[in-house]
Amino acid sequence: MNKAKHCNSITEVRAHIDQIDKELVALLAARGGFVKQAARFKKNDEEVKTSQRVEQVLSRVKALSLELGAHPGVTEQVYRTMIGAFIEVERNEHAVLVARAEGR
């Protein structure tokens, strides 16, 4: 289900890629907002970095890759990197919330 339309020049290819990048960054921003909210529901740092959830997400997105015509290896690599970065964001947010709750 590859939706890449046929392009007649490298300029046209790059314009489409630039538009997709804009959409991806907007989606990353939205995902980040939910990640920060998730920190409120975690009891401790170990819950923030649960490997079970990571594997669950990876399994789901690899299946989506096959369904949507994306390269599963690329999807997995991107998601592993993205999840690692978001775990750090969530850990930092969790630490701020804990400190705030303790009056620091």
PDB file of N, CA and C in Angstrom:
ATOM      1  N   MET A   1       0.835  -1.181   0.000  1.00  0.00           N
ATOM      2  CA  MET A   1       0.000   0.000   0.000  1.00  0.00           C
ATOM      3  C   MET A   1       0.884   1.251   0.000  1.00  0.00           C
ATOM      4  N   ASN A   2       1.909   1.235  -0.788  1.00  0.00           N
ATOM      5  CA  ASN A   2       2.823   2.361  -0.888  1.00  0.00           C
ATOM      6  C   ASN A   2       2.110   3.509  -1.602  1.00  0.00           C
ATOM      7  N   LYS A   3       2.049   4.653  -0.940  1.00  0.00           N
ATOM      8  CA  LYS A   3       1.305   5.792  -1.489  1.00  0.00           C
ATOM      9  C   LYS A   3       2.199   6.824  -2.158  1.00  0.00           C
ATOM     10  N   ALA A   4       3.455   6.463  -2.425  1.00  0.00           N
ATOM     11  CA  ALA A   4       4.360   7.420  -3.066  1.00  0.00           C
ATOM     12  C   ALA A   4       3.911   7.632  -4.504  1.00  0.00           C
ATOM     13  N   LYS A   5       3.612   8.876  -4.830  1.00  0.00           N
ATOM     14  CA  LYS A   5       3.160   9.160  -6.184  1.00  0.00           C
ATOM     15  C   LYS A   5       4.359   9.307  -7.112  1.00  0.00           C
ATOM     16  N   HIS A   6       4.148   9.081  -8.369  1.00  0.00           N
ATOM     17  CA  HIS A   6       5.218   9.183  -9.361  1.00  0.00           C
ATOM     18  C   HIS A   6       5.654  10.636  -9.500  1.00  0.00           C
ATOM     19  N   CYS A   7       6.959  10.859  -9.456  1.00  0.00           N
ATOM     20  CA  CYS A   7       7.518  12.206  -9.585  1.00  0.00           C
ATOM     21  C   CYS A   7       8.302  12.299 -10.890  1.00  0.00           C
ATOM     22  N   ASN A   8       8.369  13.498 -11.428  1.00  0.00           N
ATOM     23  CA  ASN A   8       9.062  13.728 -12.688  1.00  0.00           C
ATOM     24  C   ASN A   8      10.395  14.457 -12.534  1.00  0.00           C
ATOM     25  N   SER A   9      10.764  14.781 -11.286  1.00  0.00           N
ATOM     26  CA  SER A   9      12.038  15.455 -11.070  1.00  0.00           C
ATOM     27  C   SER A   9      12.472  15.250  -9.622  1.00  0.00           C
ATOM     28  N   ILE A  10      13.762  15.464  -9.384  1.00  0.00           N
ATOM     29  CA  ILE A  10      14.278  15.378  -8.022  1.00  0.00           C
ATOM     30  C   ILE A  10      13.685  16.481  -7.155  1.00  0.00           C
ATOM     31  N   THR A  11      13.397  17.618  -7.751  1.00  0.00           N
ATOM     32  CA  THR A  11      12.771  18.722  -7.013  1.00  0.00           C
ATOM     33  C   THR A  11      11.403  18.297  -6.497  1.00  0.00           C
ATOM     34  N   GLU A  12      10.658  17.627  -7.334  1.00  0.00           N
ATOM     35  CA  GLU A  12       9.339  17.142  -6.935  1.00  0.00           C
ATOM     36  C   GLU A  12       9.460  16.084  -5.839  1.00  0.00           C
ATOM     37  N   VAL A  13      10.428  15.176  -5.968  1.00  0.00           N
ATOM     38  CA  VAL A  13      10.675  14.157  -4.939  1.00  0.00           C
ATOM     39  C   VAL A  13      10.977  14.834  -3.605  1.00  0.00           C
ATOM     40  N   ARG A  14      11.872  15.815  -3.636  1.00  0.00           N
ATOM     41  CA  ARG A  14      12.273  16.497  -2.406  1.00  0.00           C
ATOM     42  C   ARG A  14      11.129  17.283  -1.785  1.00  0.00           C
ATOM     43  N   ALA A  15      10.280  17.847  -2.612  1.00  0.00           N
ATOM     44  CA  ALA A  15       9.116  18.579  -2.081  1.00  0.00           C
ATOM     45  C   ALA A  15       8.193  17.632  -1.324  1.00  0.00           C
ATOM     46  N   HIS A  16       7.991  16.438  -1.868  1.00  0.00           N
ATOM     47  CA  HIS A  16       7.143  15.451  -1.191  1.00  0.00           C
ATOM     48  C   HIS A  16       7.796  14.984   0.114  1.00  0.00           C
ATOM     49  N   ILE A  17       9.099  14.760   0.063  1.00  0.00           N
ATOM     50  CA  ILE A  17       9.808  14.341   1.276  1.00  0.00           C
ATOM     51  C   ILE A  17       9.731  15.431   2.340  1.00  0.00           C
ATOM     52  N   ASP A  18       9.910  16.686   1.939  1.00  0.00           N
ATOM     53  CA  ASP A  18       9.817  17.795   2.888  1.00  0.00           C
ATOM     54  C   ASP A  18       8.436  17.858   3.537  1.00  0.00           C
ATOM     55  N   GLN A  19       7.398  17.629   2.762  1.00  0.00           N
ATOM     56  CA  GLN A  19       6.039  17.643   3.302  1.00  0.00           C
ATOM     57  C   GLN A  19       5.837  16.493   4.293  1.00  0.00           C
ATOM     58  N   ILE A  20       6.342  15.332   3.941  1.00  0.00           N
ATOM     59  CA  ILE A  20       6.232  14.177   4.842  1.00  0.00           C
ATOM     60  C   ILE A  20       6.997  14.450   6.133  1.00  0.00           C
ATOM     61  N   ASP A  21       8.190  15.048   6.012  1.00  0.00           N
ATOM     62  CA  ASP A  21       8.964  15.386   7.207  1.00  0.00           C
ATOM     63  C   ASP A  21       8.181  16.322   8.124  1.00  0.00           C
ATOM     64  N   LYS A  22       7.510  17.295   7.546  1.00  0.00           N
ATOM     65  CA  LYS A  22       6.692  18.222   8.340  1.00  0.00           C
ATOM     66  C   LYS A  22       5.595  17.460   9.088  1.00  0.00           C
ATOM     67  N   GLU A  23       4.951  16.537   8.405  1.00  0.00           N
ATOM     68  CA  GLU A  23       3.894  15.740   9.027  1.00  0.00           C
ATOM     69  C   GLU A  23       4.461  14.824  10.105  1.00  0.00           C
ATOM     70  N   LEU A  24       5.628  14.229   9.844  1.00  0.00           N
ATOM     71  CA  LEU A  24       6.257  13.349  10.836  1.00  0.00           C
ATOM     72  C   LEU A  24       6.634  14.115  12.097  1.00  0.00           C
ATOM     73  N   VAL A  25       7.201  15.294  11.935  1.00  0.00           N
ATOM     74  CA  VAL A  25       7.587  16.095  13.101  1.00  0.00           C
ATOM     75  C   VAL A  25       6.350  16.500  13.903  1.00  0.00           C
ATOM     76  N   ALA A  26       5.270  16.836  13.225  1.00  0.00           N
ATOM     77  CA  ALA A  26       4.022  17.158  13.931  1.00  0.00           C
ATOM     78  C   ALA A  26       3.522  15.944  14.713  1.00  0.00           C
ATOM     79  N   LEU A  27       3.632  14.776  14.122  1.00  0.00           N
ATOM     80  CA  LEU A  27       3.216  13.553  14.810  1.00  0.00           C
ATOM     81  C   LEU A  27       4.138  13.228  15.981  1.00  0.00           C
ATOM     82  N   LEU A  28       5.433  13.479  15.825  1.00  0.00           N
ATOM     83  CA  LEU A  28       6.364  13.278  16.935  1.00  0.00           C
ATOM     84  C   LEU A  28       6.034  14.212  18.093  1.00  0.00           C
ATOM     85  N   ALA A  29       5.681  15.440  17.777  1.00  0.00           N
ATOM     86  CA  ALA A  29       5.296  16.393  18.819  1.00  0.00           C
ATOM     87  C   ALA A  29       4.055  15.900  19.567  1.00  0.00           C
ATOM     88  N   ALA A  30       3.082  15.399  18.832  1.00  0.00           N
ATOM     89  CA  ALA A  30       1.867  14.874  19.463  1.00  0.00           C
ATOM     90  C   ALA A  30       2.192  13.644  20.316  1.00  0.00           C
ATOM     91  N   ARG A  31       3.019  12.749  19.786  1.00  0.00           N
ATOM     92  CA  ARG A  31       3.406  11.549  20.531  1.00  0.00           C
ATOM     93  C   ARG A  31       4.131  11.953  21.809  1.00  0.00           C
ATOM     94  N   GLY A  32       5.011  12.953  21.699  1.00  0.00           N
ATOM     95  CA  GLY A  32       5.743  13.444  22.862  1.00  0.00           C
ATOM     96  C   GLY A  32       4.834  13.986  23.944  1.00  0.00           C
ATOM     97  N   GLY A  33       3.773  14.634  23.537  1.00  0.00           N
ATOM     98  CA  GLY A  33       2.805  15.133  24.510  1.00  0.00           C
ATOM     99  C   GLY A  33       2.154  14.011  25.299  1.00  0.00           C
ATOM    100  N   PHE A  34       1.861  12.911  24.629  1.00  0.00           N
ATOM    101  CA  PHE A  34       1.270  11.757  25.318  1.00  0.00           C
ATOM    102  C   PHE A  34       2.304  11.054  26.194  1.00  0.00           C
ATOM    103  N   VAL A  35       3.545  10.995  25.737  1.00  0.00           N
ATOM    104  CA  VAL A  35       4.615  10.388  26.537  1.00  0.00           C
ATOM    105  C   VAL A  35       4.767  11.147  27.857  1.00  0.00           C
ATOM    106  N   LYS A  36       4.760  12.483  27.783  1.00  0.00           N
ATOM    107  CA  LYS A  36       4.890  13.272  29.005  1.00  0.00           C
ATOM    108  C   LYS A  36       3.705  13.034  29.943  1.00  0.00           C
ATOM    109  N   GLN A  37       2.521  12.876  29.373  1.00  0.00           N
ATOM    110  CA  GLN A  37       1.348  12.583  30.206  1.00  0.00           C
ATOM    111  C   GLN A  37       1.462  11.217  30.861  1.00  0.00           C
ATOM    112  N   ALA A  38       2.039  10.257  30.144  1.00  0.00           N
ATOM    113  CA  ALA A  38       2.175   8.898  30.679  1.00  0.00           C
ATOM    114  C   ALA A  38       2.987   8.901  31.972  1.00  0.00           C
ATOM    115  N   ALA A  39       3.927   9.824  32.087  1.00  0.00           N
ATOM    116  CA  ALA A  39       4.769   9.894  33.289  1.00  0.00           C
ATOM    117  C   ALA A  39       3.948  10.073  34.557  1.00  0.00           C
ATOM    118  N   ARG A  40       2.794  10.716  34.438  1.00  0.00           N
ATOM    119  CA  ARG A  40       1.930  10.926  35.620  1.00  0.00           C
ATOM    120  C   ARG A  40       1.373   9.626  36.168  1.00  0.00           C
ATOM    121  N   PHE A  41       1.299   8.606  35.330  1.00  0.00           N
ATOM    122  CA  PHE A  41       0.655   7.357  35.722  1.00  0.00           C
ATOM    123  C   PHE A  41       1.650   6.279  36.150  1.00  0.00           C
ATOM    124  N   LYS A  42       2.932   6.606  36.117  1.00  0.00           N
ATOM    125  CA  LYS A  42       3.965   5.639  36.487  1.00  0.00           C
ATOM    126  C   LYS A  42       4.359   5.857  37.936  1.00  0.00           C
ATOM    127  N   LYS A  43       4.520   4.739  38.668  1.00  0.00           N
ATOM    128  CA  LYS A  43       4.851   4.833  40.088  1.00  0.00           C
ATOM    129  C   LYS A  43       6.337   5.069  40.333  1.00  0.00           C
ATOM    130  N   ASN A  44       7.171   4.554  39.417  1.00  0.00           N
ATOM    131  CA  ASN A  44       8.614   4.682  39.616  1.00  0.00           C
ATOM    132  C   ASN A  44       9.334   4.642  38.270  1.00  0.00           C
ATOM    133  N   ASP A  45      10.640   4.852  38.344  1.00  0.00           N
ATOM    134  CA  ASP A  45      11.451   4.903  37.134  1.00  0.00           C
ATOM    135  C   ASP A  45      11.434   3.588  36.361  1.00  0.00           C
ATOM    136  N   GLU A  46      11.336   2.482  37.064  1.00  0.00           N
ATOM    137  CA  GLU A  46      11.308   1.171  36.390  1.00  0.00           C
ATOM    138  C   GLU A  46      10.069   1.026  35.504  1.00  0.00           C
ATOM    139  N   GLU A  47       8.959   1.562  35.945  1.00  0.00           N
ATOM    140  CA  GLU A  47       7.745   1.511  35.129  1.00  0.00           C
ATOM    141  C   GLU A  47       7.886   2.359  33.870  1.00  0.00           C
ATOM    142  N   VAL A  48       8.694   3.401  33.934  1.00  0.00           N
ATOM    143  CA  VAL A  48       8.899   4.273  32.776  1.00  0.00           C
ATOM    144  C   VAL A  48       9.609   3.515  31.666  1.00  0.00           C
ATOM    145  N   LYS A  49      10.587   2.707  32.013  1.00  0.00           N
ATOM    146  CA  LYS A  49      11.406   2.054  30.987  1.00  0.00           C
ATOM    147  C   LYS A  49      11.107   0.567  30.820  1.00  0.00           C
ATOM    148  N   THR A  50       9.878   0.187  30.931  1.00  0.00           N
ATOM    149  CA  THR A  50       9.493  -1.215  30.816  1.00  0.00           C
ATOM    150  C   THR A  50       9.755  -1.781  29.424  1.00  0.00           C
ATOM    151  N   SER A  51      10.546  -2.846  29.382  1.00  0.00           N
ATOM    152  CA  SER A  51      10.893  -3.455  28.091  1.00  0.00           C
ATOM    153  C   SER A  51       9.719  -4.226  27.491  1.00  0.00           C
ATOM    154  N   GLN A  52       8.785  -4.662  28.325  1.00  0.00           N
ATOM    155  CA  GLN A  52       7.605  -5.371  27.812  1.00  0.00           C
ATOM    156  C   GLN A  52       6.795  -4.473  26.891  1.00  0.00           C
ATOM    157  N   ARG A  53       6.589  -3.243  27.287  1.00  0.00           N
ATOM    158  CA  ARG A  53       5.840  -2.288  26.458  1.00  0.00           C
ATOM    159  C   ARG A  53       6.599  -1.975  25.171  1.00  0.00           C
ATOM    160  N   VAL A  54       7.910  -1.825  25.265  1.00  0.00           N
ATOM    161  CA  VAL A  54       8.726  -1.558  24.075  1.00  0.00           C
ATOM    162  C   VAL A  54       8.534  -2.675  23.064  1.00  0.00           C
ATOM    163  N   GLU A  55       8.643  -3.904  23.502  1.00  0.00           N
ATOM    164  CA  GLU A  55       8.501  -5.039  22.585  1.00  0.00           C
ATOM    165  C   GLU A  55       7.085  -5.118  22.008  1.00  0.00           C
ATOM    166  N   GLN A  56       6.095  -4.769  22.805  1.00  0.00           N
ATOM    167  CA  GLN A  56       4.710  -4.743  22.336  1.00  0.00           C
ATOM    168  C   GLN A  56       4.548  -3.725  21.209  1.00  0.00           C
ATOM    169  N   VAL A  57       5.103  -2.533  21.392  1.00  0.00           N
ATOM    170  CA  VAL A  57       5.028  -1.484  20.367  1.00  0.00           C
ATOM    171  C   VAL A  57       5.773  -1.927  19.112  1.00  0.00           C
ATOM    172  N   LEU A  58       6.978  -2.472  19.282  1.00  0.00           N
ATOM    173  CA  LEU A  58       7.763  -2.909  18.128  1.00  0.00           C
ATOM    174  C   LEU A  58       7.042  -3.985  17.331  1.00  0.00           C
ATOM    175  N   SER A  59       6.454  -4.915  18.002  1.00  0.00           N
ATOM    176  CA  SER A  59       5.707  -5.981  17.321  1.00  0.00           C
ATOM    177  C   SER A  59       4.549  -5.400  16.512  1.00  0.00           C
ATOM    178  N   ARG A  60       3.838  -4.457  17.118  1.00  0.00           N
ATOM    179  CA  ARG A  60       2.690  -3.843  16.444  1.00  0.00           C
ATOM    180  C   ARG A  60       3.118  -3.046  15.213  1.00  0.00           C
ATOM    181  N   VAL A  61       4.188  -2.251  15.338  1.00  0.00           N
ATOM    182  CA  VAL A  61       4.585  -1.412  14.202  1.00  0.00           C
ATOM    183  C   VAL A  61       5.250  -2.222  13.087  1.00  0.00           C
ATOM    184  N   LYS A  62       5.899  -3.330  13.437  1.00  0.00           N
ATOM    185  CA  LYS A  62       6.462  -4.182  12.383  1.00  0.00           C
ATOM    186  C   LYS A  62       5.331  -4.819  11.574  1.00  0.00           C
ATOM    187  N   ALA A  63       4.276  -5.227  12.253  1.00  0.00           N
ATOM    188  CA  ALA A  63       3.112  -5.778  11.548  1.00  0.00           C
ATOM    189  C   ALA A  63       2.476  -4.696  10.679  1.00  0.00           C
ATOM    190  N   LEU A  64       2.377  -3.477  11.187  1.00  0.00           N
ATOM    191  CA  LEU A  64       1.845  -2.366  10.394  1.00  0.00           C
ATOM    192  C   LEU A  64       2.713  -2.100   9.165  1.00  0.00           C
ATOM    193  N   SER A  65       4.017  -2.234   9.327  1.00  0.00           N
ATOM    194  CA  SER A  65       4.930  -2.040   8.196  1.00  0.00           C
ATOM    195  C   SER A  65       4.596  -2.973   7.054  1.00  0.00           C
ATOM    196  N   LEU A  66       4.393  -4.220   7.383  1.00  0.00           N
ATOM    197  CA  LEU A  66       4.053  -5.203   6.347  1.00  0.00           C
ATOM    198  C   LEU A  66       2.713  -4.870   5.701  1.00  0.00           C
ATOM    199  N   GLU A  67       1.769  -4.478   6.521  1.00  0.00           N
ATOM    200  CA  GLU A  67       0.430  -4.137   6.031  1.00  0.00           C
ATOM    201  C   GLU A  67       0.446  -2.910   5.122  1.00  0.00           C
ATOM    202  N   LEU A  68       1.282  -1.926   5.455  1.00  0.00           N
ATOM    203  CA  LEU A  68       1.263  -0.642   4.752  1.00  0.00           C
ATOM    204  C   LEU A  68       2.369  -0.483   3.706  1.00  0.00           C
ATOM    205  N   GLY A  69       3.179  -1.507   3.545  1.00  0.00           N
ATOM    206  CA  GLY A  69       4.205  -1.464   2.507  1.00  0.00           C
ATOM    207  C   GLY A  69       5.484  -0.754   2.897  1.00  0.00           C
ATOM    208  N   ALA A  70       5.730  -0.630   4.195  1.00  0.00           N
ATOM    209  CA  ALA A  70       6.982  -0.031   4.669  1.00  0.00           C
ATOM    210  C   ALA A  70       8.008  -1.138   4.887  1.00  0.00           C
ATOM    211  N   HIS A  71       9.257  -0.767   4.986  1.00  0.00           N
ATOM    212  CA  HIS A  71      10.319  -1.737   5.227  1.00  0.00           C
ATOM    213  C   HIS A  71      10.361  -2.030   6.729  1.00  0.00           C
ATOM    214  N   PRO A  72      10.059  -3.281   7.150  1.00  0.00           N
ATOM    215  CA  PRO A  72       9.997  -3.598   8.584  1.00  0.00           C
ATOM    216  C   PRO A  72      11.301  -3.316   9.329  1.00  0.00           C
ATOM    217  N   GLY A  73      12.436  -3.553   8.693  1.00  0.00           N
ATOM    218  CA  GLY A  73      13.720  -3.296   9.343  1.00  0.00           C
ATOM    219  C   GLY A  73      13.937  -1.823   9.624  1.00  0.00           C
ATOM    220  N   VAL A  74      13.560  -0.987   8.672  1.00  0.00           N
ATOM    221  CA  VAL A  74      13.680   0.460   8.860  1.00  0.00           C
ATOM    222  C   VAL A  74      12.724   0.908   9.965  1.00  0.00           C
ATOM    223  N   THR A  75      11.509   0.413   9.906  1.00  0.00           N
ATOM    224  CA  THR A  75      10.516   0.771  10.927  1.00  0.00           C
ATOM    225  C   THR A  75      11.011   0.388  12.315  1.00  0.00           C
ATOM    226  N   GLU A  76      11.541  -0.821  12.458  1.00  0.00           N
ATOM    227  CA  GLU A  76      12.023  -1.258  13.771  1.00  0.00           C
ATOM    228  C   GLU A  76      13.171  -0.379  14.257  1.00  0.00           C
ATOM    229  N   GLN A  77      14.113  -0.097  13.379  1.00  0.00           N
ATOM    230  CA  GLN A  77      15.258   0.723  13.773  1.00  0.00           C
ATOM    231  C   GLN A  77      14.824   2.132  14.185  1.00  0.00           C
ATOM    232  N   VAL A  78      13.935   2.728  13.403  1.00  0.00           N
ATOM    233  CA  VAL A  78      13.434   4.068  13.726  1.00  0.00           C
ATOM    234  C   VAL A  78      12.701   4.046  15.061  1.00  0.00           C
ATOM    235  N   TYR A  79      11.855   3.051  15.260  1.00  0.00           N
ATOM    236  CA  TYR A  79      11.088   2.986  16.501  1.00  0.00           C
ATOM    237  C   TYR A  79      11.966   2.713  17.707  1.00  0.00           C
ATOM    238  N   ARG A  80      12.970   1.860  17.570  1.00  0.00           N
ATOM    239  CA  ARG A  80      13.875   1.612  18.707  1.00  0.00           C
ATOM    240  C   ARG A  80      14.570   2.910  19.127  1.00  0.00           C
ATOM    241  N   THR A  81      15.026   3.665  18.149  1.00  0.00           N
ATOM    242  CA  THR A  81      15.687   4.936  18.440  1.00  0.00           C
ATOM    243  C   THR A  81      14.694   5.927  19.048  1.00  0.00           C
ATOM    244  N   MET A  82      13.518   6.037  18.438  1.00  0.00           N
ATOM    245  CA  MET A  82      12.504   6.976  18.915  1.00  0.00           C
ATOM    246  C   MET A  82      12.061   6.618  20.337  1.00  0.00           C
ATOM    247  N   ILE A  83      11.802   5.356  20.580  1.00  0.00           N
ATOM    248  CA  ILE A  83      11.349   4.934  21.905  1.00  0.00           C
ATOM    249  C   ILE A  83      12.424   5.220  22.948  1.00  0.00           C
ATOM    250  N   GLY A  84      13.679   4.947  22.607  1.00  0.00           N
ATOM    251  CA  GLY A  84      14.768   5.241  23.543  1.00  0.00           C
ATOM    252  C   GLY A  84      14.801   6.715  23.914  1.00  0.00           C
ATOM    253  N   ALA A  85      14.648   7.572  22.915  1.00  0.00           N
ATOM    254  CA  ALA A  85      14.648   9.012  23.177  1.00  0.00           C
ATOM    255  C   ALA A  85      13.430   9.420  24.010  1.00  0.00           C
ATOM    256  N   PHE A  86      12.272   8.871  23.692  1.00  0.00           N
ATOM    257  CA  PHE A  86      11.070   9.220  24.445  1.00  0.00           C
ATOM    258  C   PHE A  86      11.108   8.675  25.872  1.00  0.00           C
ATOM    259  N   ILE A  87      11.780   7.546  26.082  1.00  0.00           N
ATOM    260  CA  ILE A  87      11.928   7.037  27.449  1.00  0.00           C
ATOM    261  C   ILE A  87      12.698   8.053  28.289  1.00  0.00           C
ATOM    262  N   GLU A  88      13.732   8.647  27.704  1.00  0.00           N
ATOM    263  CA  GLU A  88      14.490   9.670  28.427  1.00  0.00           C
ATOM    264  C   GLU A  88      13.616  10.885  28.737  1.00  0.00           C
ATOM    265  N   VAL A  89      12.795  11.293  27.778  1.00  0.00           N
ATOM    266  CA  VAL A  89      11.866  12.409  28.006  1.00  0.00           C
ATOM    267  C   VAL A  89      10.917  12.065  29.151  1.00  0.00           C
ATOM    268  N   GLU A  90      10.375  10.861  29.117  1.00  0.00           N
ATOM    269  CA  GLU A  90       9.425  10.444  30.146  1.00  0.00           C
ATOM    270  C   GLU A  90      10.106  10.317  31.509  1.00  0.00           C
ATOM    271  N   ARG A  91      11.333   9.812  31.540  1.00  0.00           N
ATOM    272  CA  ARG A  91      12.073   9.709  32.803  1.00  0.00           C
ATOM    273  C   ARG A  91      12.297  11.087  33.396  1.00  0.00           C
ATOM    274  N   ASN A  92      12.678  12.037  32.561  1.00  0.00           N
ATOM    275  CA  ASN A  92      12.882  13.403  33.044  1.00  0.00           C
ATOM    276  C   ASN A  92      11.586  14.006  33.567  1.00  0.00           C
ATOM    277  N   GLU A  93      10.510  13.816  32.824  1.00  0.00           N
ATOM    278  CA  GLU A  93       9.204  14.322  33.259  1.00  0.00           C
ATOM    279  C   GLU A  93       8.781  13.670  34.569  1.00  0.00           C
ATOM    280  N   HIS A  94       9.003  12.367  34.684  1.00  0.00           N
ATOM    281  CA  HIS A  94       8.651  11.641  35.906  1.00  0.00           C
ATOM    282  C   HIS A  94       9.448  12.199  37.087  1.00  0.00           C
ATOM    283  N   ALA A  95      10.743  12.447  36.890  1.00  0.00           N
ATOM    284  CA  ALA A  95      11.586  12.995  37.958  1.00  0.00           C
ATOM    285  C   ALA A  95      11.083  14.374  38.391  1.00  0.00           C
ATOM    286  N   VAL A  96      10.669  15.200  37.449  1.00  0.00           N
ATOM    287  CA  VAL A  96      10.124  16.520  37.772  1.00  0.00           C
ATOM    288  C   VAL A  96       8.844  16.384  38.585  1.00  0.00           C
ATOM    289  N   LEU A  97       7.978  15.474  38.178  1.00  0.00           N
ATOM    290  CA  LEU A  97       6.721  15.270  38.899  1.00  0.00           C
ATOM    291  C   LEU A  97       6.950  14.756  40.320  1.00  0.00           C
ATOM    292  N   VAL A  98       7.899  13.836  40.472  1.00  0.00           N
ATOM    293  CA  VAL A  98       8.216  13.307  41.803  1.00  0.00           C
ATOM    294  C   VAL A  98       8.779  14.413  42.681  1.00  0.00           C
ATOM    295  N   ALA A  99       9.697  15.188  42.116  1.00  0.00           N
ATOM    296  CA  ALA A  99      10.284  16.294  42.893  1.00  0.00           C
ATOM    297  C   ALA A  99       9.229  17.299  43.307  1.00  0.00           C
ATOM    298  N   ARG A 100       8.322  17.601  42.392  1.00  0.00           N
ATOM    299  CA  ARG A 100       7.242  18.543  42.695  1.00  0.00           C
ATOM    300  C   ARG A 100       6.339  18.001  43.808  1.00  0.00           C
ATOM    301  N   ALA A 101       6.031  16.707  43.745  1.00  0.00           N
ATOM    302  CA  ALA A 101       5.162  16.100  44.736  1.00  0.00           C
ATOM    303  C   ALA A 101       5.842  16.068  46.120  1.00  0.00           C
ATOM    304  N   GLU A 102       7.179  15.988  46.100  1.00  0.00           N
ATOM    305  CA  GLU A 102       7.928  15.967  47.369  1.00  0.00           C
ATOM    306  C   GLU A 102       8.254  17.378  47.855  1.00  0.00           C
ATOM    307  N   GLY A 103       7.826  18.381  47.091  1.00  0.00           N
ATOM    308  CA  GLY A 103       8.031  19.765  47.494  1.00  0.00           C
ATOM    309  C   GLY A 103       9.442  20.293  47.272  1.00  0.00           C
ATOM    310  N   ARG A 104      10.151  19.682  46.312  1.00  0.00           N
ATOM    311  CA  ARG A 104      11.515  20.145  46.038  1.00  0.00           C
ATOM    312  C   ARG A 104      11.536  21.210  44.997  1.00  0.00           C
TER     313      ARG A 104
END
